Amino acid sequence: MALSPTNNAAFLQEVDEAVRKDQLSSIMQRYGRWIVGAAIAALLAFGGYLYWEHRQTVARGEKAEQLLAAFDKAAAQPTAATADLKTLAGEGNAAYRAAALIEQSNMKAKAGDLKGAAALLAQVAGDAKLDQSMRDMALVRQTALEFDTMKPEAVIARMKPLVDATDPVSSWFGSAAELTAAAYYHLGQYDKAGALYARIAKAPATFKSLQSRTVQMAGMLGVDAVEDRAAESAAKDKTKDQQGGAAPGAAAAAKSEEAK
């Protein structure tokens, strides 16, 4: 008796399932130990990673507490603070090492050891593991401490990458440019110094105190940074008005007519 199409399909499905079970049984007999071992190893590796990450978090918290404790000691117990900071500076975390070196530099600068303070900042500036902005800050502070002992040409060359940077906020443009302008002034290149002071004064991210100081220096050297800023501001306002179109003006006129 021939099977109906429905029975035939069911028979083929049963055969297919039996073949699959047989194949799976064969695979498990041959590779079952390896599969189970791999699964256990993956679970152990994942668990180990979670534990390592937890330990890293705990270690970072401990280092932060040690750093803050050393900062608190800096004023009352400078010797003890220096020992703690040196310990932190010698350990692996780049950020904590940089913070410890910077604080040690501050302490040396306050004690009058400008050379030692600059040397510590040089370590931070040269650390490729740190964020570039922190390295730039350290380089600017190092140069400020060494300014009186450096040749003006050396100051200009060192600060050039920061002065020429396209992102003045993250590159510490203002401070680097002020040191460069002072170096130009010492060289007698007053035109370059005045132009750079004016450029600092016009930079959008310049702090008010630095802006005021550089406006005065630029004016003393014959560059009217105030007038330049006013002209630039007026040009920006004009551009905004042009971009906004005539609609705002028309609306204002309509309101005026209604009021009449």
C-alpha atoms as a PDB file:
ATOM      1  CA  MET A   1       0.000   0.000   0.000  1.00  0.00           C
ATOM      2  CA  ALA A   2       1.477   3.341  -1.056  1.00  0.00           C
ATOM      3  CA  LEU A   3       1.875   6.115   1.484  1.00  0.00           C
ATOM      4  CA  SER A   4      -0.170   9.246   1.037  1.00  0.00           C
ATOM      5  CA  PRO A   5       1.751  12.512   0.445  1.00  0.00           C
ATOM      6  CA  THR A   6       1.078  13.534   4.040  1.00  0.00           C
ATOM      7  CA  ASN A   7       2.314  10.262   5.461  1.00  0.00           C
ATOM      8  CA  ASN A   8       5.302  10.390   3.142  1.00  0.00           C
ATOM      9  CA  ALA A   9       6.289  13.859   4.429  1.00  0.00           C
ATOM     10  CA  ALA A  10       5.902  12.714   8.025  1.00  0.00           C
ATOM     11  CA  PHE A  11       8.028   9.645   7.339  1.00  0.00           C
ATOM     12  CA  LEU A  12      10.788  11.739   5.753  1.00  0.00           C
ATOM     13  CA  GLN A  13      10.707  14.144   8.713  1.00  0.00           C
ATOM     14  CA  GLU A  14      11.094  11.273  11.163  1.00  0.00           C
ATOM     15  CA  VAL A  15      14.003   9.896   9.146  1.00  0.00           C
ATOM     16  CA  ASP A  16      15.637  13.359   9.060  1.00  0.00           C
ATOM     17  CA  GLU A  17      15.254  13.760  12.827  1.00  0.00           C
ATOM     18  CA  ALA A  18      16.702  10.310  13.418  1.00  0.00           C
ATOM     19  CA  VAL A  19      19.708  11.139  11.228  1.00  0.00           C
ATOM     20  CA  ARG A  20      20.260  14.415  13.095  1.00  0.00           C
ATOM     21  CA  LYS A  21      20.069  12.677  16.473  1.00  0.00           C
ATOM     22  CA  ASP A  22      22.530  10.073  15.278  1.00  0.00           C
ATOM     23  CA  GLN A  23      24.906  12.786  14.031  1.00  0.00           C
ATOM     24  CA  LEU A  24      24.597  14.742  17.275  1.00  0.00           C
ATOM     25  CA  SER A  25      25.217  11.585  19.294  1.00  0.00           C
ATOM     26  CA  SER A  26      28.285  10.845  17.184  1.00  0.00           C
ATOM     27  CA  ILE A  27      29.626  14.412  17.630  1.00  0.00           C
ATOM     28  CA  MET A  28      29.096  14.309  21.388  1.00  0.00           C
ATOM     29  CA  GLN A  29      30.809  10.936  21.671  1.00  0.00           C
ATOM     30  CA  ARG A  30      33.764  12.163  19.657  1.00  0.00           C
ATOM     31  CA  TYR A  31      34.056  15.804  20.775  1.00  0.00           C
ATOM     32  CA  GLY A  32      31.842  15.990  23.861  1.00  0.00           C
ATOM     33  CA  ARG A  33      34.706  16.378  26.324  1.00  0.00           C
ATOM     34  CA  TRP A  34      36.253  19.168  24.258  1.00  0.00           C
ATOM     35  CA  ILE A  35      32.949  21.012  23.940  1.00  0.00           C
ATOM     36  CA  VAL A  36      32.228  20.797  27.663  1.00  0.00           C
ATOM     37  CA  GLY A  37      35.812  21.788  28.474  1.00  0.00           C
ATOM     38  CA  ALA A  38      35.629  24.795  26.149  1.00  0.00           C
ATOM     39  CA  ALA A  39      32.354  25.913  27.744  1.00  0.00           C
ATOM     40  CA  ILE A  40      33.816  25.639  31.240  1.00  0.00           C
ATOM     41  CA  ALA A  41      36.967  27.478  30.161  1.00  0.00           C
ATOM     42  CA  ALA A  42      34.854  30.308  28.660  1.00  0.00           C
ATOM     43  CA  LEU A  43      32.870  30.628  31.897  1.00  0.00           C
ATOM     44  CA  LEU A  44      36.053  30.678  33.960  1.00  0.00           C
ATOM     45  CA  ALA A  45      37.607  33.298  31.678  1.00  0.00           C
ATOM     46  CA  PHE A  46      34.507  35.498  31.915  1.00  0.00           C
ATOM     47  CA  GLY A  47      34.441  35.140  35.684  1.00  0.00           C
ATOM     48  CA  GLY A  48      38.147  35.962  35.840  1.00  0.00           C
ATOM     49  CA  TYR A  49      37.613  39.081  33.755  1.00  0.00           C
ATOM     50  CA  LEU A  50      34.807  40.273  36.031  1.00  0.00           C
ATOM     51  CA  TYR A  51      36.989  39.715  39.076  1.00  0.00           C
ATOM     52  CA  TRP A  52      39.950  41.517  37.454  1.00  0.00           C
ATOM     53  CA  GLU A  53      37.728  44.475  36.536  1.00  0.00           C
ATOM     54  CA  HIS A  54      36.433  44.629  40.113  1.00  0.00           C
ATOM     55  CA  ARG A  55      39.983  44.590  41.487  1.00  0.00           C
ATOM     56  CA  GLN A  56      40.985  47.346  39.076  1.00  0.00           C
ATOM     57  CA  THR A  57      38.090  49.509  40.267  1.00  0.00           C
ATOM     58  CA  VAL A  58      38.986  48.893  43.904  1.00  0.00           C
ATOM     59  CA  ALA A  59      42.660  49.662  43.217  1.00  0.00           C
ATOM     60  CA  ARG A  60      41.786  52.934  41.464  1.00  0.00           C
ATOM     61  CA  GLY A  61      39.666  53.955  44.442  1.00  0.00           C
ATOM     62  CA  GLU A  62      42.503  53.183  46.844  1.00  0.00           C
ATOM     63  CA  LYS A  63      44.988  55.173  44.722  1.00  0.00           C
ATOM     64  CA  ALA A  64      42.598  58.127  44.621  1.00  0.00           C
ATOM     65  CA  GLU A  65      42.288  58.076  48.405  1.00  0.00           C
ATOM     66  CA  GLN A  66      46.076  57.908  48.780  1.00  0.00           C
ATOM     67  CA  LEU A  67      46.512  60.833  46.400  1.00  0.00           C
ATOM     68  CA  LEU A  68      43.962  62.985  48.221  1.00  0.00           C
ATOM     69  CA  ALA A  69      45.579  62.116  51.556  1.00  0.00           C
ATOM     70  CA  ALA A  70      48.973  63.180  50.184  1.00  0.00           C
ATOM     71  CA  PHE A  71      47.469  66.477  48.960  1.00  0.00           C
ATOM     72  CA  ASP A  72      46.054  67.090  52.433  1.00  0.00           C
ATOM     73  CA  LYS A  73      49.488  66.477  53.973  1.00  0.00           C
ATOM     74  CA  ALA A  74      51.271  68.804  51.549  1.00  0.00           C
ATOM     75  CA  ALA A  75      50.869  71.952  53.636  1.00  0.00           C
ATOM     76  CA  ALA A  76      51.283  70.574  57.175  1.00  0.00           C
ATOM     77  CA  GLN A  77      53.580  67.589  56.558  1.00  0.00           C
ATOM     78  CA  PRO A  78      55.544  68.262  53.343  1.00  0.00           C
ATOM     79  CA  THR A  79      58.130  65.536  54.011  1.00  0.00           C
ATOM     80  CA  ALA A  80      55.499  62.838  54.545  1.00  0.00           C
ATOM     81  CA  ALA A  81      53.503  64.114  51.576  1.00  0.00           C
ATOM     82  CA  THR A  82      56.575  63.985  49.333  1.00  0.00           C
ATOM     83  CA  ALA A  83      57.240  60.371  50.317  1.00  0.00           C
ATOM     84  CA  ASP A  84      53.630  59.381  49.555  1.00  0.00           C
ATOM     85  CA  LEU A  85      53.658  61.252  46.238  1.00  0.00           C
ATOM     86  CA  LYS A  86      56.910  59.606  45.177  1.00  0.00           C
ATOM     87  CA  THR A  87      55.374  56.212  45.897  1.00  0.00           C
ATOM     88  CA  LEU A  88      52.348  57.038  43.740  1.00  0.00           C
ATOM     89  CA  ALA A  89      54.550  58.490  40.992  1.00  0.00           C
ATOM     90  CA  GLY A  90      56.485  55.243  40.809  1.00  0.00           C
ATOM     91  CA  GLU A  91      53.409  53.092  40.230  1.00  0.00           C
ATOM     92  CA  GLY A  92      51.769  52.067  36.970  1.00  0.00           C
ATOM     93  CA  ASN A  93      48.684  54.279  36.567  1.00  0.00           C
ATOM     94  CA  ALA A  94      49.654  57.172  34.262  1.00  0.00           C
ATOM     95  CA  ALA A  95      46.992  59.618  35.483  1.00  0.00           C
ATOM     96  CA  TYR A  96      47.822  59.196  39.179  1.00  0.00           C
ATOM     97  CA  ARG A  97      51.536  59.327  38.379  1.00  0.00           C
ATOM     98  CA  ALA A  98      51.027  62.634  36.557  1.00  0.00           C
ATOM     99  CA  ALA A  99      48.958  64.099  39.406  1.00  0.00           C
ATOM    100  CA  ALA A 100      51.621  63.067  41.931  1.00  0.00           C
ATOM    101  CA  LEU A 101      54.419  64.589  39.838  1.00  0.00           C
ATOM    102  CA  ILE A 102      52.511  67.837  39.336  1.00  0.00           C
ATOM    103  CA  GLU A 103      51.849  68.187  43.065  1.00  0.00           C
ATOM    104  CA  GLN A 104      55.511  67.504  43.826  1.00  0.00           C
ATOM    105  CA  SER A 105      56.394  70.173  41.268  1.00  0.00           C
ATOM    106  CA  ASN A 106      54.088  72.652  42.991  1.00  0.00           C
ATOM    107  CA  MET A 107      55.741  71.936  46.330  1.00  0.00           C
ATOM    108  CA  LYS A 108      59.232  72.405  44.899  1.00  0.00           C
ATOM    109  CA  ALA A 109      58.210  75.648  43.194  1.00  0.00           C
ATOM    110  CA  LYS A 110      56.806  77.017  46.460  1.00  0.00           C
ATOM    111  CA  ALA A 111      60.072  76.106  48.167  1.00  0.00           C
ATOM    112  CA  GLY A 112      62.025  78.012  45.509  1.00  0.00           C
ATOM    113  CA  ASP A 113      63.418  74.976  43.672  1.00  0.00           C
ATOM    114  CA  LEU A 114      62.300  76.029  40.206  1.00  0.00           C
ATOM    115  CA  LYS A 115      64.754  73.741  38.442  1.00  0.00           C
ATOM    116  CA  GLY A 116      63.509  70.683  40.324  1.00  0.00           C
ATOM    117  CA  ALA A 117      59.892  71.701  39.753  1.00  0.00           C
ATOM    118  CA  ALA A 118      60.482  72.070  36.015  1.00  0.00           C
ATOM    119  CA  ALA A 119      62.197  68.676  35.827  1.00  0.00           C
ATOM    120  CA  LEU A 120      59.141  66.957  37.304  1.00  0.00           C
ATOM    121  CA  LEU A 121      56.843  68.711  34.842  1.00  0.00           C
ATOM    122  CA  ALA A 122      59.129  67.608  32.021  1.00  0.00           C
ATOM    123  CA  GLN A 123      58.396  63.992  33.019  1.00  0.00           C
ATOM    124  CA  VAL A 124      54.671  64.652  32.674  1.00  0.00           C
ATOM    125  CA  ALA A 125      55.087  66.472  29.357  1.00  0.00           C
ATOM    126  CA  GLY A 126      57.089  63.565  27.964  1.00  0.00           C
ATOM    127  CA  ASP A 127      54.714  60.782  29.077  1.00  0.00           C
ATOM    128  CA  ALA A 128      53.115  59.360  25.923  1.00  0.00           C
ATOM    129  CA  LYS A 129      50.533  57.457  28.017  1.00  0.00           C
ATOM    130  CA  LEU A 130      48.855  60.690  29.141  1.00  0.00           C
ATOM    131  CA  ASP A 131      46.143  62.730  27.465  1.00  0.00           C
ATOM    132  CA  GLN A 132      47.676  65.360  25.167  1.00  0.00           C
ATOM    133  CA  SER A 133      45.963  68.244  26.940  1.00  0.00           C
ATOM    134  CA  MET A 134      47.608  67.286  30.258  1.00  0.00           C
ATOM    135  CA  ARG A 135      50.985  66.990  28.541  1.00  0.00           C
ATOM    136  CA  ASP A 136      50.513  70.428  26.965  1.00  0.00           C
ATOM    137  CA  MET A 137      49.641  71.934  30.342  1.00  0.00           C
ATOM    138  CA  ALA A 138      52.784  70.451  31.892  1.00  0.00           C
ATOM    139  CA  LEU A 139      54.927  71.752  29.020  1.00  0.00           C
ATOM    140  CA  VAL A 140      53.536  75.275  29.388  1.00  0.00           C
ATOM    141  CA  ARG A 141      54.115  75.287  33.158  1.00  0.00           C
ATOM    142  CA  GLN A 142      57.608  73.842  32.695  1.00  0.00           C
ATOM    143  CA  THR A 143      58.435  76.603  30.196  1.00  0.00           C
ATOM    144  CA  ALA A 144      57.065  79.289  32.510  1.00  0.00           C
ATOM    145  CA  LEU A 145      59.343  78.038  35.313  1.00  0.00           C
ATOM    146  CA  GLU A 146      62.352  77.877  32.994  1.00  0.00           C
ATOM    147  CA  PHE A 147      61.615  81.093  31.082  1.00  0.00           C
ATOM    148  CA  ASP A 148      64.288  83.229  32.758  1.00  0.00           C
ATOM    149  CA  THR A 149      66.996  80.627  32.092  1.00  0.00           C
ATOM    150  CA  MET A 150      66.032  79.846  28.484  1.00  0.00           C
ATOM    151  CA  LYS A 151      66.978  81.666  25.316  1.00  0.00           C
ATOM    152  CA  PRO A 152      63.963  83.419  23.754  1.00  0.00           C
ATOM    153  CA  GLU A 153      64.447  81.419  20.545  1.00  0.00           C
ATOM    154  CA  ALA A 154      64.147  78.174  22.548  1.00  0.00           C
ATOM    155  CA  VAL A 155      60.905  79.354  24.157  1.00  0.00           C
ATOM    156  CA  ILE A 156      59.454  80.229  20.749  1.00  0.00           C
ATOM    157  CA  ALA A 157      60.456  76.862  19.278  1.00  0.00           C
ATOM    158  CA  ARG A 158      59.058  74.888  22.224  1.00  0.00           C
ATOM    159  CA  MET A 159      55.729  76.699  22.243  1.00  0.00           C
ATOM    160  CA  LYS A 160      55.277  76.793  18.467  1.00  0.00           C
ATOM    161  CA  PRO A 161      53.160  73.598  18.191  1.00  0.00           C
ATOM    162  CA  LEU A 162      50.732  74.969  20.785  1.00  0.00           C
ATOM    163  CA  VAL A 163      50.625  78.454  19.283  1.00  0.00           C
ATOM    164  CA  ASP A 164      49.991  77.047  15.793  1.00  0.00           C
ATOM    165  CA  ALA A 165      47.411  74.493  16.968  1.00  0.00           C
ATOM    166  CA  THR A 166      43.981  74.610  15.330  1.00  0.00           C
ATOM    167  CA  ASP A 167      42.162  73.931  18.637  1.00  0.00           C
ATOM    168  CA  PRO A 168      43.202  76.735  21.037  1.00  0.00           C
ATOM    169  CA  VAL A 169      41.069  75.468  23.917  1.00  0.00           C
ATOM    170  CA  SER A 170      42.655  72.032  24.319  1.00  0.00           C
ATOM    171  CA  SER A 171      46.137  73.145  23.255  1.00  0.00           C
ATOM    172  CA  TRP A 172      46.625  75.795  25.955  1.00  0.00           C
ATOM    173  CA  PHE A 173      46.983  78.411  23.256  1.00  0.00           C
ATOM    174  CA  GLY A 174      46.631  81.489  25.475  1.00  0.00           C
ATOM    175  CA  SER A 175      49.383  80.652  27.957  1.00  0.00           C
ATOM    176  CA  ALA A 176      51.724  79.287  25.274  1.00  0.00           C
ATOM    177  CA  ALA A 177      51.174  82.342  23.079  1.00  0.00           C
ATOM    178  CA  GLU A 178      51.797  84.722  25.987  1.00  0.00           C
ATOM    179  CA  LEU A 179      55.150  83.070  26.684  1.00  0.00           C
ATOM    180  CA  THR A 180      55.983  83.271  22.972  1.00  0.00           C
ATOM    181  CA  ALA A 181      55.003  86.954  22.788  1.00  0.00           C
ATOM    182  CA  ALA A 182      57.199  87.688  25.812  1.00  0.00           C
ATOM    183  CA  ALA A 183      60.077  85.905  24.063  1.00  0.00           C
ATOM    184  CA  TYR A 184      59.553  88.025  20.940  1.00  0.00           C
ATOM    185  CA  TYR A 185      59.569  91.110  23.155  1.00  0.00           C
ATOM    186  CA  HIS A 186      62.915  90.101  24.682  1.00  0.00           C
ATOM    187  CA  LEU A 187      64.308  89.682  21.178  1.00  0.00           C
ATOM    188  CA  GLY A 188      63.169  93.195  20.267  1.00  0.00           C
ATOM    189  CA  GLN A 189      60.686  91.875  17.711  1.00  0.00           C
ATOM    190  CA  TYR A 190      57.929  94.149  18.925  1.00  0.00           C
ATOM    191  CA  ASP A 191      55.744  93.830  15.842  1.00  0.00           C
ATOM    192  CA  LYS A 192      55.496  90.050  16.267  1.00  0.00           C
ATOM    193  CA  ALA A 193      54.950  90.401  20.003  1.00  0.00           C
ATOM    194  CA  GLY A 194      52.167  92.967  19.552  1.00  0.00           C
ATOM    195  CA  ALA A 195      50.414  90.931  16.871  1.00  0.00           C
ATOM    196  CA  LEU A 196      50.496  87.814  19.048  1.00  0.00           C
ATOM    197  CA  TYR A 197      49.228  89.669  22.127  1.00  0.00           C
ATOM    198  CA  ALA A 198      46.335  90.952  20.018  1.00  0.00           C
ATOM    199  CA  ARG A 199      45.646  87.449  18.737  1.00  0.00           C
ATOM    200  CA  ILE A 200      45.436  86.174  22.330  1.00  0.00           C
ATOM    201  CA  ALA A 201      43.057  88.993  23.274  1.00  0.00           C
ATOM    202  CA  LYS A 202      40.755  88.128  20.366  1.00  0.00           C
ATOM    203  CA  ALA A 203      40.721  84.376  20.986  1.00  0.00           C
ATOM    204  CA  PRO A 204      37.180  83.328  22.064  1.00  0.00           C
ATOM    205  CA  ALA A 205      38.331  81.087  24.938  1.00  0.00           C
ATOM    206  CA  THR A 206      40.765  83.569  26.514  1.00  0.00           C
ATOM    207  CA  PHE A 207      40.273  84.113  30.253  1.00  0.00           C
ATOM    208  CA  LYS A 208      39.256  87.655  31.252  1.00  0.00           C
ATOM    209  CA  SER A 209      42.447  88.287  33.236  1.00  0.00           C
ATOM    210  CA  LEU A 210      44.659  87.134  30.372  1.00  0.00           C
ATOM    211  CA  GLN A 211      42.548  89.049  27.877  1.00  0.00           C
ATOM    212  CA  SER A 212      42.897  92.268  29.868  1.00  0.00           C
ATOM    213  CA  ARG A 213      46.650  91.785  30.239  1.00  0.00           C
ATOM    214  CA  THR A 214      47.231  91.035  26.555  1.00  0.00           C
ATOM    215  CA  VAL A 215      45.061  93.963  25.402  1.00  0.00           C
ATOM    216  CA  GLN A 216      47.281  96.284  27.455  1.00  0.00           C
ATOM    217  CA  MET A 217      50.482  94.727  26.115  1.00  0.00           C
ATOM    218  CA  ALA A 218      49.234  94.892  22.532  1.00  0.00           C
ATOM    219  CA  GLY A 219      48.262  98.548  22.987  1.00  0.00           C
ATOM    220  CA  MET A 220      51.668  99.353  24.444  1.00  0.00           C
ATOM    221  CA  LEU A 221      53.219  97.856  21.306  1.00  0.00           C
ATOM    222  CA  GLY A 222      50.997  99.826  18.960  1.00  0.00           C
ATOM    223  CA  VAL A 223      48.270  97.278  18.241  1.00  0.00           C
ATOM    224  CA  ASP A 224      44.711  98.250  19.162  1.00  0.00           C
ATOM    225  CA  ALA A 225      43.307  94.870  20.168  1.00  0.00           C
ATOM    226  CA  VAL A 226      40.147  96.521  21.569  1.00  0.00           C
ATOM    227  CA  GLU A 227      39.279  98.087  18.219  1.00  0.00           C
ATOM    228  CA  ASP A 228      40.037  94.829  16.435  1.00  0.00           C
ATOM    229  CA  ARG A 229      37.727  92.942  18.785  1.00  0.00           C
ATOM    230  CA  ALA A 230      34.954  95.519  18.274  1.00  0.00           C
ATOM    231  CA  ALA A 231      35.305  95.329  14.490  1.00  0.00           C
ATOM    232  CA  GLU A 232      35.283  91.552  14.574  1.00  0.00           C
ATOM    233  CA  SER A 233      32.209  91.491  16.819  1.00  0.00           C
ATOM    234  CA  ALA A 234      30.387  93.920  14.514  1.00  0.00           C
ATOM    235  CA  ALA A 235      31.255  91.768  11.503  1.00  0.00           C
ATOM    236  CA  LYS A 236      29.875  88.675  13.256  1.00  0.00           C
ATOM    237  CA  ASP A 237      26.646  90.506  14.163  1.00  0.00           C
ATOM    238  CA  LYS A 238      26.253  91.660  10.563  1.00  0.00           C
ATOM    239  CA  THR A 239      26.727  88.112   9.308  1.00  0.00           C
ATOM    240  CA  LYS A 240      24.087  86.824  11.737  1.00  0.00           C
ATOM    241  CA  ASP A 241      21.628  89.520  10.553  1.00  0.00           C
ATOM    242  CA  GLN A 242      22.246  88.592   6.922  1.00  0.00           C
ATOM    243  CA  GLN A 243      21.733  84.906   7.676  1.00  0.00           C
ATOM    244  CA  GLY A 244      18.534  85.668   9.557  1.00  0.00           C
ATOM    245  CA  GLY A 245      17.138  87.525   6.513  1.00  0.00           C
ATOM    246  CA  ALA A 246      14.616  90.347   6.396  1.00  0.00           C
ATOM    247  CA  ALA A 247      11.810  88.447   8.115  1.00  0.00           C
ATOM    248  CA  PRO A 248      12.632  89.578  11.684  1.00  0.00           C
ATOM    249  CA  GLY A 249      12.788  93.218  10.554  1.00  0.00           C
ATOM    250  CA  ALA A 250       9.501  92.918   8.665  1.00  0.00           C
ATOM    251  CA  ALA A 251       7.842  91.368  11.678  1.00  0.00           C
ATOM    252  CA  ALA A 252       9.052  94.205  13.873  1.00  0.00           C
ATOM    253  CA  ALA A 253       7.733  96.769  11.392  1.00  0.00           C
ATOM    254  CA  ALA A 254       4.359  95.048  11.300  1.00  0.00           C
ATOM    255  CA  LYS A 255       4.128  95.139  15.082  1.00  0.00           C
ATOM    256  CA  SER A 256       5.039  98.835  15.038  1.00  0.00           C
ATOM    257  CA  GLU A 257       2.239  99.572  12.566  1.00  0.00           C
ATOM    258  CA  GLU A 258      -0.232  97.651  14.685  1.00  0.00           C
ATOM    259  CA  ALA A 259       0.782  99.687  17.708  1.00  0.00           C
ATOM    260  CA  LYS A 260       0.075 102.885  15.785  1.00  0.00           C
END
